[in-house]
Amino acid sequence: MALTFNEDLDYTLDSDSESVWITVDTVSVYIKRQDEGVSVYLYPTGHEDEDCVGETYALYDEGEEAK
C-alpha cells in the first residue's frame, strides 16, 4: 500500500512508494517523491494522461527549516 494511516485524516507516503494519486471531486492529485523534495501535479479527473493544469513543489530542506 502506498499510504499509511496515522490518525484522523493524516497519512504518510510509505518509504518504499514513489508516488500516490488522490482524487478530490473533479481533480486528480499526483504526489511524487523526488530526490530533493516533493512535487504535486493537478489534472482534471479522466485526463491524467494529458498536461497538468497546475503544479507545485517543496524542497525537503524547506521542511527542515520550518521545524
PDB file of N, CA and C in Angstrom:
ATOM      1  N   MET A   1       0.851  -1.185   0.000  1.00  0.00           N
ATOM      2  CA  MET A   1       0.000   0.000   0.000  1.00  0.00           C
ATOM      3  C   MET A   1       0.892   1.242   0.000  1.00  0.00           C
ATOM      4  N   ALA A   2       0.465   2.272  -0.646  1.00  0.00           N
ATOM      5  CA  ALA A   2       1.286   3.481  -0.793  1.00  0.00           C
ATOM      6  C   ALA A   2       1.206   4.409   0.412  1.00  0.00           C
ATOM      7  N   LEU A   3       0.089   4.356   1.142  1.00  0.00           N
ATOM      8  CA  LEU A   3      -0.113   5.268   2.262  1.00  0.00           C
ATOM      9  C   LEU A   3      -0.293   4.508   3.565  1.00  0.00           C
ATOM     10  N   THR A   4       0.200   5.085   4.648  1.00  0.00           N
ATOM     11  CA  THR A   4      -0.013   4.544   5.987  1.00  0.00           C
ATOM     12  C   THR A   4      -0.902   5.517   6.745  1.00  0.00           C
ATOM     13  N   PHE A   5      -1.980   4.988   7.349  1.00  0.00           N
ATOM     14  CA  PHE A   5      -2.892   5.807   8.148  1.00  0.00           C
ATOM     15  C   PHE A   5      -2.249   6.102   9.488  1.00  0.00           C
ATOM     16  N   ASN A   6      -2.211   7.391   9.855  1.00  0.00           N
ATOM     17  CA  ASN A   6      -1.660   7.787  11.147  1.00  0.00           C
ATOM     18  C   ASN A   6      -2.785   8.011  12.150  1.00  0.00           C
ATOM     19  N   GLU A   7      -3.629   8.988  11.907  1.00  0.00           N
ATOM     20  CA  GLU A   7      -4.805   9.233  12.735  1.00  0.00           C
ATOM     21  C   GLU A   7      -5.674  10.265  12.048  1.00  0.00           C
ATOM     22  N   ASP A   8      -6.944  10.304  12.407  1.00  0.00           N
ATOM     23  CA  ASP A   8      -7.907  11.236  11.823  1.00  0.00           C
ATOM     24  C   ASP A   8      -7.786  11.228  10.301  1.00  0.00           C
ATOM     25  N   LEU A   9      -7.351  12.319   9.691  1.00  0.00           N
ATOM     26  CA  LEU A   9      -7.200  12.425   8.237  1.00  0.00           C
ATOM     27  C   LEU A   9      -5.737  12.511   7.825  1.00  0.00           C
ATOM     28  N   ASP A  10      -4.847  11.996   8.661  1.00  0.00           N
ATOM     29  CA  ASP A  10      -3.404  12.123   8.465  1.00  0.00           C
ATOM     30  C   ASP A  10      -2.823  10.814   7.923  1.00  0.00           C
ATOM     31  N   TYR A  11      -2.134  10.903   6.785  1.00  0.00           N
ATOM     32  CA  TYR A  11      -1.494   9.757   6.151  1.00  0.00           C
ATOM     33  C   TYR A  11      -0.045  10.096   5.838  1.00  0.00           C
ATOM     34  N   THR A  12       0.791   9.068   5.719  1.00  0.00           N
ATOM     35  CA  THR A  12       2.189   9.221   5.336  1.00  0.00           C
ATOM     36  C   THR A  12       2.451   8.364   4.108  1.00  0.00           C
ATOM     37  N   LEU A  13       3.151   8.927   3.110  1.00  0.00           N
ATOM     38  CA  LEU A  13       3.560   8.152   1.941  1.00  0.00           C
ATOM     39  C   LEU A  13       4.630   7.170   2.390  1.00  0.00           C
ATOM     40  N   ASP A  14       4.390   5.894   2.162  1.00  0.00           N
ATOM     41  CA  ASP A  14       5.336   4.860   2.590  1.00  0.00           C
ATOM     42  C   ASP A  14       6.701   5.065   1.952  1.00  0.00           C
ATOM     43  N   SER A  15       7.742   4.747   2.688  1.00  0.00           N
ATOM     44  CA  SER A  15       9.104   4.976   2.213  1.00  0.00           C
ATOM     45  C   SER A  15       9.443   4.168   0.962  1.00  0.00           C
ATOM     46  N   ASP A  16       8.741   3.060   0.736  1.00  0.00           N
ATOM     47  CA  ASP A  16       9.002   2.250  -0.462  1.00  0.00           C
ATOM     48  C   ASP A  16       8.106   2.645  -1.643  1.00  0.00           C
ATOM     49  N   SER A  17       7.313   3.691  -1.476  1.00  0.00           N
ATOM     50  CA  SER A  17       6.436   4.184  -2.544  1.00  0.00           C
ATOM     51  C   SER A  17       6.975   5.496  -3.082  1.00  0.00           C
ATOM     52  N   GLU A  18       6.994   5.615  -4.393  1.00  0.00           N
ATOM     53  CA  GLU A  18       7.498   6.820  -5.040  1.00  0.00           C
ATOM     54  C   GLU A  18       6.427   7.883  -5.203  1.00  0.00           C
ATOM     55  N   SER A  19       5.153   7.442  -5.309  1.00  0.00           N
ATOM     56  CA  SER A  19       4.095   8.401  -5.598  1.00  0.00           C
ATOM     57  C   SER A  19       2.733   7.843  -5.199  1.00  0.00           C
ATOM     58  N   VAL A  20       1.734   8.731  -5.266  1.00  0.00           N
ATOM     59  CA  VAL A  20       0.356   8.340  -4.978  1.00  0.00           C
ATOM     60  C   VAL A  20      -0.586   9.282  -5.721  1.00  0.00           C
ATOM     61  N   TRP A  21      -1.720   8.739  -6.161  1.00  0.00           N
ATOM     62  CA  TRP A  21      -2.793   9.531  -6.763  1.00  0.00           C
ATOM     63  C   TRP A  21      -3.908   9.665  -5.735  1.00  0.00           C
ATOM     64  N   ILE A  22      -4.485  10.874  -5.634  1.00  0.00           N
ATOM     65  CA  ILE A  22      -5.640  11.126  -4.781  1.00  0.00           C
ATOM     66  C   ILE A  22      -6.654  11.907  -5.615  1.00  0.00           C
ATOM     67  N   THR A  23      -7.897  11.477  -5.611  1.00  0.00           N
ATOM     68  CA  THR A  23      -8.945  12.180  -6.344  1.00  0.00           C
ATOM     69  C   THR A  23      -9.737  13.045  -5.379  1.00  0.00           C
ATOM     70  N   VAL A  24      -9.880  14.320  -5.719  1.00  0.00           N
ATOM     71  CA  VAL A  24     -10.666  15.269  -4.943  1.00  0.00           C
ATOM     72  C   VAL A  24     -11.724  15.840  -5.880  1.00  0.00           C
ATOM     73  N   ASP A  25     -12.943  15.359  -5.746  1.00  0.00           N
ATOM     74  CA  ASP A  25     -14.046  15.761  -6.624  1.00  0.00           C
ATOM     75  C   ASP A  25     -13.646  15.569  -8.087  1.00  0.00           C
ATOM     76  N   THR A  26     -13.418  16.651  -8.839  1.00  0.00           N
ATOM     77  CA  THR A  26     -13.102  16.542 -10.274  1.00  0.00           C
ATOM     78  C   THR A  26     -11.633  16.766 -10.579  1.00  0.00           C
ATOM     79  N   VAL A  27     -10.785  16.699  -9.547  1.00  0.00           N
ATOM     80  CA  VAL A  27      -9.351  16.914  -9.731  1.00  0.00           C
ATOM     81  C   VAL A  27      -8.577  15.693  -9.240  1.00  0.00           C
ATOM     82  N   SER A  28      -7.662  15.206 -10.067  1.00  0.00           N
ATOM     83  CA  SER A  28      -6.747  14.130  -9.677  1.00  0.00           C
ATOM     84  C   SER A  28      -5.439  14.761  -9.250  1.00  0.00           C
ATOM     85  N   VAL A  29      -4.998  14.413  -8.057  1.00  0.00           N
ATOM     86  CA  VAL A  29      -3.786  14.980  -7.474  1.00  0.00           C
ATOM     87  C   VAL A  29      -2.703  13.901  -7.471  1.00  0.00           C
ATOM     88  N   TYR A  30      -1.584  14.186  -8.106  1.00  0.00           N
ATOM     89  CA  TYR A  30      -0.463  13.246  -8.179  1.00  0.00           C
ATOM     90  C   TYR A  30       0.664  13.797  -7.311  1.00  0.00           C
ATOM     91  N   ILE A  31       1.007  13.075  -6.264  1.00  0.00           N
ATOM     92  CA  ILE A  31       2.070  13.476  -5.343  1.00  0.00           C
ATOM     93  C   ILE A  31       3.259  12.565  -5.587  1.00  0.00           C
ATOM     94  N   LYS A  32       4.407  13.152  -5.893  1.00  0.00           N
ATOM     95  CA  LYS A  32       5.581  12.363  -6.269  1.00  0.00           C
ATOM     96  C   LYS A  32       6.788  12.736  -5.417  1.00  0.00           C
ATOM     97  N   ARG A  33       7.384  11.730  -4.809  1.00  0.00           N
ATOM     98  CA  ARG A  33       8.634  11.908  -4.058  1.00  0.00           C
ATOM     99  C   ARG A  33       9.770  12.070  -5.065  1.00  0.00           C
ATOM    100  N   GLN A  34      10.569  13.126  -4.890  1.00  0.00           N
ATOM    101  CA  GLN A  34      11.728  13.362  -5.744  1.00  0.00           C
ATOM    102  C   GLN A  34      12.988  13.241  -4.892  1.00  0.00           C
ATOM    103  N   ASP A  35      14.155  13.323  -5.513  1.00  0.00           N
ATOM    104  CA  ASP A  35      15.420  13.239  -4.771  1.00  0.00           C
ATOM    105  C   ASP A  35      15.567  14.356  -3.745  1.00  0.00           C
ATOM    106  N   GLU A  36      15.171  15.574  -4.114  1.00  0.00           N
ATOM    107  CA  GLU A  36      15.397  16.723  -3.242  1.00  0.00           C
ATOM    108  C   GLU A  36      14.137  17.318  -2.639  1.00  0.00           C
ATOM    109  N   GLY A  37      12.971  16.735  -2.946  1.00  0.00           N
ATOM    110  CA  GLY A  37      11.731  17.291  -2.429  1.00  0.00           C
ATOM    111  C   GLY A  37      10.506  16.540  -2.909  1.00  0.00           C
ATOM    112  N   VAL A  38       9.375  17.220  -2.885  1.00  0.00           N
ATOM    113  CA  VAL A  38       8.089  16.640  -3.263  1.00  0.00           C
ATOM    114  C   VAL A  38       7.459  17.506  -4.340  1.00  0.00           C
ATOM    115  N   SER A  39       6.937  16.869  -5.391  1.00  0.00           N
ATOM    116  CA  SER A  39       6.218  17.569  -6.448  1.00  0.00           C
ATOM    117  C   SER A  39       4.754  17.165  -6.406  1.00  0.00           C
ATOM    118  N   VAL A  40       3.871  18.118  -6.721  1.00  0.00           N
ATOM    119  CA  VAL A  40       2.438  17.871  -6.759  1.00  0.00           C
ATOM    120  C   VAL A  40       1.905  18.371  -8.094  1.00  0.00           C
ATOM    121  N   TYR A  41       1.172  17.510  -8.793  1.00  0.00           N
ATOM    122  CA  TYR A  41       0.615  17.839 -10.099  1.00  0.00           C
ATOM    123  C   TYR A  41      -0.897  17.655 -10.047  1.00  0.00           C
ATOM    124  N   LEU A  42      -1.636  18.581 -10.670  1.00  0.00           N
ATOM    125  CA  LEU A  42      -3.092  18.548 -10.679  1.00  0.00           C
ATOM    126  C   LEU A  42      -3.609  18.342 -12.091  1.00  0.00           C
ATOM    127  N   TYR A  43      -4.563  17.416 -12.234  1.00  0.00           N
ATOM    128  CA  TYR A  43      -5.144  17.082 -13.530  1.00  0.00           C
ATOM    129  C   TYR A  43      -6.665  17.040 -13.414  1.00  0.00           C
ATOM    130  N   PRO A  44      -7.378  17.396 -14.474  1.00  0.00           N
ATOM    131  CA  PRO A  44      -8.817  17.130 -14.460  1.00  0.00           C
ATOM    132  C   PRO A  44      -9.015  15.605 -14.415  1.00  0.00           C
ATOM    133  N   THR A  45      -9.924  15.139 -13.581  1.00  0.00           N
ATOM    134  CA  THR A  45     -10.162  13.700 -13.472  1.00  0.00           C
ATOM    135  C   THR A  45     -10.543  13.135 -14.841  1.00  0.00           C
ATOM    136  N   GLY A  46      -9.920  12.045 -15.207  1.00  0.00           N
ATOM    137  CA  GLY A  46     -10.146  11.416 -16.501  1.00  0.00           C
ATOM    138  C   GLY A  46      -9.196  11.895 -17.577  1.00  0.00           C
ATOM    139  N   HIS A  47      -8.349  12.866 -17.249  1.00  0.00           N
ATOM    140  CA  HIS A  47      -7.399  13.423 -18.220  1.00  0.00           C
ATOM    141  C   HIS A  47      -5.978  13.398 -17.658  1.00  0.00           C
ATOM    142  N   GLU A  48      -5.689  12.401 -16.867  1.00  0.00           N
ATOM    143  CA  GLU A  48      -4.380  12.304 -16.220  1.00  0.00           C
ATOM    144  C   GLU A  48      -3.238  12.045 -17.196  1.00  0.00           C
ATOM    145  N   ASP A  49      -3.549  11.620 -18.408  1.00  0.00           N
ATOM    146  CA  ASP A  49      -2.512  11.365 -19.409  1.00  0.00           C
ATOM    147  C   ASP A  49      -2.208  12.608 -20.254  1.00  0.00           C
ATOM    148  N   GLU A  50      -2.859  13.738 -19.933  1.00  0.00           N
ATOM    149  CA  GLU A  50      -2.635  14.988 -20.644  1.00  0.00           C
ATOM    150  C   GLU A  50      -1.769  15.913 -19.783  1.00  0.00           C
ATOM    151  N   ASP A  51      -1.512  17.113 -20.262  1.00  0.00           N
ATOM    152  CA  ASP A  51      -0.733  18.082 -19.485  1.00  0.00           C
ATOM    153  C   ASP A  51      -1.469  18.446 -18.203  1.00  0.00           C
ATOM    154  N   CYS A  52      -0.723  18.627 -17.121  1.00  0.00           N
ATOM    155  CA  CYS A  52      -1.344  19.016 -15.862  1.00  0.00           C
ATOM    156  C   CYS A  52      -1.826  20.466 -15.958  1.00  0.00           C
ATOM    157  N   VAL A  53      -2.819  20.805 -15.119  1.00  0.00           N
ATOM    158  CA  VAL A  53      -3.360  22.165 -15.114  1.00  0.00           C
ATOM    159  C   VAL A  53      -2.755  23.013 -13.998  1.00  0.00           C
ATOM    160  N   GLY A  54      -1.994  22.372 -13.116  1.00  0.00           N
ATOM    161  CA  GLY A  54      -1.325  23.093 -12.038  1.00  0.00           C
ATOM    162  C   GLY A  54      -0.269  22.211 -11.404  1.00  0.00           C
ATOM    163  N   GLU A  55       0.750  22.846 -10.852  1.00  0.00           N
ATOM    164  CA  GLU A  55       1.800  22.072 -10.188  1.00  0.00           C
ATOM    165  C   GLU A  55       2.533  22.946  -9.186  1.00  0.00           C
ATOM    166  N   THR A  56       3.139  22.291  -8.200  1.00  0.00           N
ATOM    167  CA  THR A  56       3.959  22.970  -7.215  1.00  0.00           C
ATOM    168  C   THR A  56       4.962  21.971  -6.657  1.00  0.00           C
ATOM    169  N   TYR A  57       5.895  22.461  -5.858  1.00  0.00           N
ATOM    170  CA  TYR A  57       6.884  21.578  -5.244  1.00  0.00           C
ATOM    171  C   TYR A  57       7.396  22.225  -3.964  1.00  0.00           C
ATOM    172  N   ALA A  58       8.016  21.423  -3.141  1.00  0.00           N
ATOM    173  CA  ALA A  58       8.709  21.911  -1.943  1.00  0.00           C
ATOM    174  C   ALA A  58       9.959  21.070  -1.764  1.00  0.00           C
ATOM    175  N   LEU A  59      11.045  21.709  -1.389  1.00  0.00           N
ATOM    176  CA  LEU A  59      12.296  21.007  -1.116  1.00  0.00           C
ATOM    177  C   LEU A  59      12.287  20.477   0.311  1.00  0.00           C
ATOM    178  N   TYR A  60      12.925  19.341   0.537  1.00  0.00           N
ATOM    179  CA  TYR A  60      12.998  18.781   1.891  1.00  0.00           C
ATOM    180  C   TYR A  60      13.679  19.753   2.844  1.00  0.00           C
ATOM    181  N   ASP A  61      14.682  20.501   2.359  1.00  0.00           N
ATOM    182  CA  ASP A  61      15.363  21.488   3.201  1.00  0.00           C
ATOM    183  C   ASP A  61      14.385  22.529   3.735  1.00  0.00           C
ATOM    184  N   GLU A  62      13.394  22.917   2.928  1.00  0.00           N
ATOM    185  CA  GLU A  62      12.392  23.892   3.370  1.00  0.00           C
ATOM    186  C   GLU A  62      11.551  23.335   4.512  1.00  0.00           C
ATOM    187  N   GLY A  63      11.268  22.060   4.468  1.00  0.00           N
ATOM    188  CA  GLY A  63      10.527  21.427   5.551  1.00  0.00           C
ATOM    189  C   GLY A  63      11.343  21.377   6.834  1.00  0.00           C
ATOM    190  N   GLU A  64      12.639  21.124   6.723  1.00  0.00           N
ATOM    191  CA  GLU A  64      13.510  21.095   7.886  1.00  0.00           C
ATOM    192  C   GLU A  64      13.632  22.474   8.517  1.00  0.00           C
ATOM    193  N   GLU A  65      13.705  23.515   7.690  1.00  0.00           N
ATOM    194  CA  GLU A  65      13.840  24.885   8.187  1.00  0.00           C
ATOM    195  C   GLU A  65      12.617  25.324   8.979  1.00  0.00           C
ATOM    196  N   ALA A  66      11.452  24.772   8.632  1.00  0.00           N
ATOM    197  CA  ALA A  66      10.207  25.181   9.297  1.00  0.00           C
ATOM    198  C   ALA A  66      10.059  24.552  10.685  1.00  0.00           C
ATOM    199  N   LYS A  67      10.838  23.542  11.001  1.00  0.00           N
ATOM    200  CA  LYS A  67      10.724  22.864  12.298  1.00  0.00           C
ATOM    201  C   LYS A  67      11.204  23.730  13.426  1.00  0.00           C
TER     202      LYS A  67
END
